[in-house]
């Protein structure tokens, strides 16, 4: 059970890092910022 939690946490970290990289790429190339939607 403990290893399953570790795998889930690692997967979430990887997904978050990937999402952040994609968001940064879009922001650099097209001036889009996903997080701007939450700053209003």
C-alpha atoms as a PDB file:
ATOM      1  CA  UNK A   1       0.000   0.000   0.000  1.00  0.00           C
ATOM      2  CA  UNK A   2       2.866   2.340   0.859  1.00  0.00           C
ATOM      3  CA  UNK A   3       4.468   1.936  -2.562  1.00  0.00           C
ATOM      4  CA  UNK A   4       1.165   2.745  -4.262  1.00  0.00           C
ATOM      5  CA  UNK A   5       1.078   6.105  -2.469  1.00  0.00           C
ATOM      6  CA  UNK A   6       4.652   6.784  -3.573  1.00  0.00           C
ATOM      7  CA  UNK A   7       3.768   6.024  -7.198  1.00  0.00           C
ATOM      8  CA  UNK A   8       0.731   8.305  -7.053  1.00  0.00           C
ATOM      9  CA  UNK A   9       2.761  11.173  -5.586  1.00  0.00           C
ATOM     10  CA  UNK A  10       5.504  10.763  -8.199  1.00  0.00           C
ATOM     11  CA  UNK A  11       2.918  10.687 -10.992  1.00  0.00           C
ATOM     12  CA  UNK A  12       1.296  13.876  -9.692  1.00  0.00           C
ATOM     13  CA  UNK A  13       4.674  15.630  -9.521  1.00  0.00           C
ATOM     14  CA  UNK A  14       5.501  14.596 -13.094  1.00  0.00           C
ATOM     15  CA  UNK A  15       2.090  15.756 -14.350  1.00  0.00           C
ATOM     16  CA  UNK A  16       2.423  19.078 -12.542  1.00  0.00           C
ATOM     17  CA  UNK A  17       5.919  19.627 -13.940  1.00  0.00           C
ATOM     18  CA  UNK A  18       4.696  18.751 -17.464  1.00  0.00           C
ATOM     19  CA  UNK A  19       1.719  21.090 -17.143  1.00  0.00           C
ATOM     20  CA  UNK A  20       3.973  23.892 -15.908  1.00  0.00           C
ATOM     21  CA  UNK A  21       6.352  23.375 -18.847  1.00  0.00           C
ATOM     22  CA  UNK A  22       3.479  23.424 -21.356  1.00  0.00           C
ATOM     23  CA  UNK A  23       2.000  26.536 -19.727  1.00  0.00           C
ATOM     24  CA  UNK A  24       5.396  28.245 -19.887  1.00  0.00           C
ATOM     25  CA  UNK A  25       5.794  27.285 -23.559  1.00  0.00           C
ATOM     26  CA  UNK A  26       2.365  28.657 -24.473  1.00  0.00           C
ATOM     27  CA  UNK A  27       2.999  31.828 -22.499  1.00  0.00           C
ATOM     28  CA  UNK A  28       6.327  32.366 -24.295  1.00  0.00           C
ATOM     29  CA  UNK A  29       5.112  31.552 -27.810  1.00  0.00           C
ATOM     30  CA  UNK A  30       1.553  32.914 -27.896  1.00  0.00           C
ATOM     31  CA  UNK A  31       1.259  35.171 -24.864  1.00  0.00           C
ATOM     32  CA  UNK A  32      -1.264  32.839 -23.240  1.00  0.00           C
ATOM     33  CA  UNK A  33      -1.244  32.270 -19.510  1.00  0.00           C
ATOM     34  CA  UNK A  34      -3.507  29.607 -18.039  1.00  0.00           C
ATOM     35  CA  UNK A  35      -3.073  30.945 -14.503  1.00  0.00           C
ATOM     36  CA  UNK A  36      -4.357  34.358 -15.578  1.00  0.00           C
ATOM     37  CA  UNK A  37      -7.840  32.866 -15.483  1.00  0.00           C
ATOM     38  CA  UNK A  38      -7.498  32.494 -11.703  1.00  0.00           C
ATOM     39  CA  UNK A  39      -5.984  35.941 -11.097  1.00  0.00           C
ATOM     40  CA  UNK A  40      -9.062  37.918 -12.099  1.00  0.00           C
END
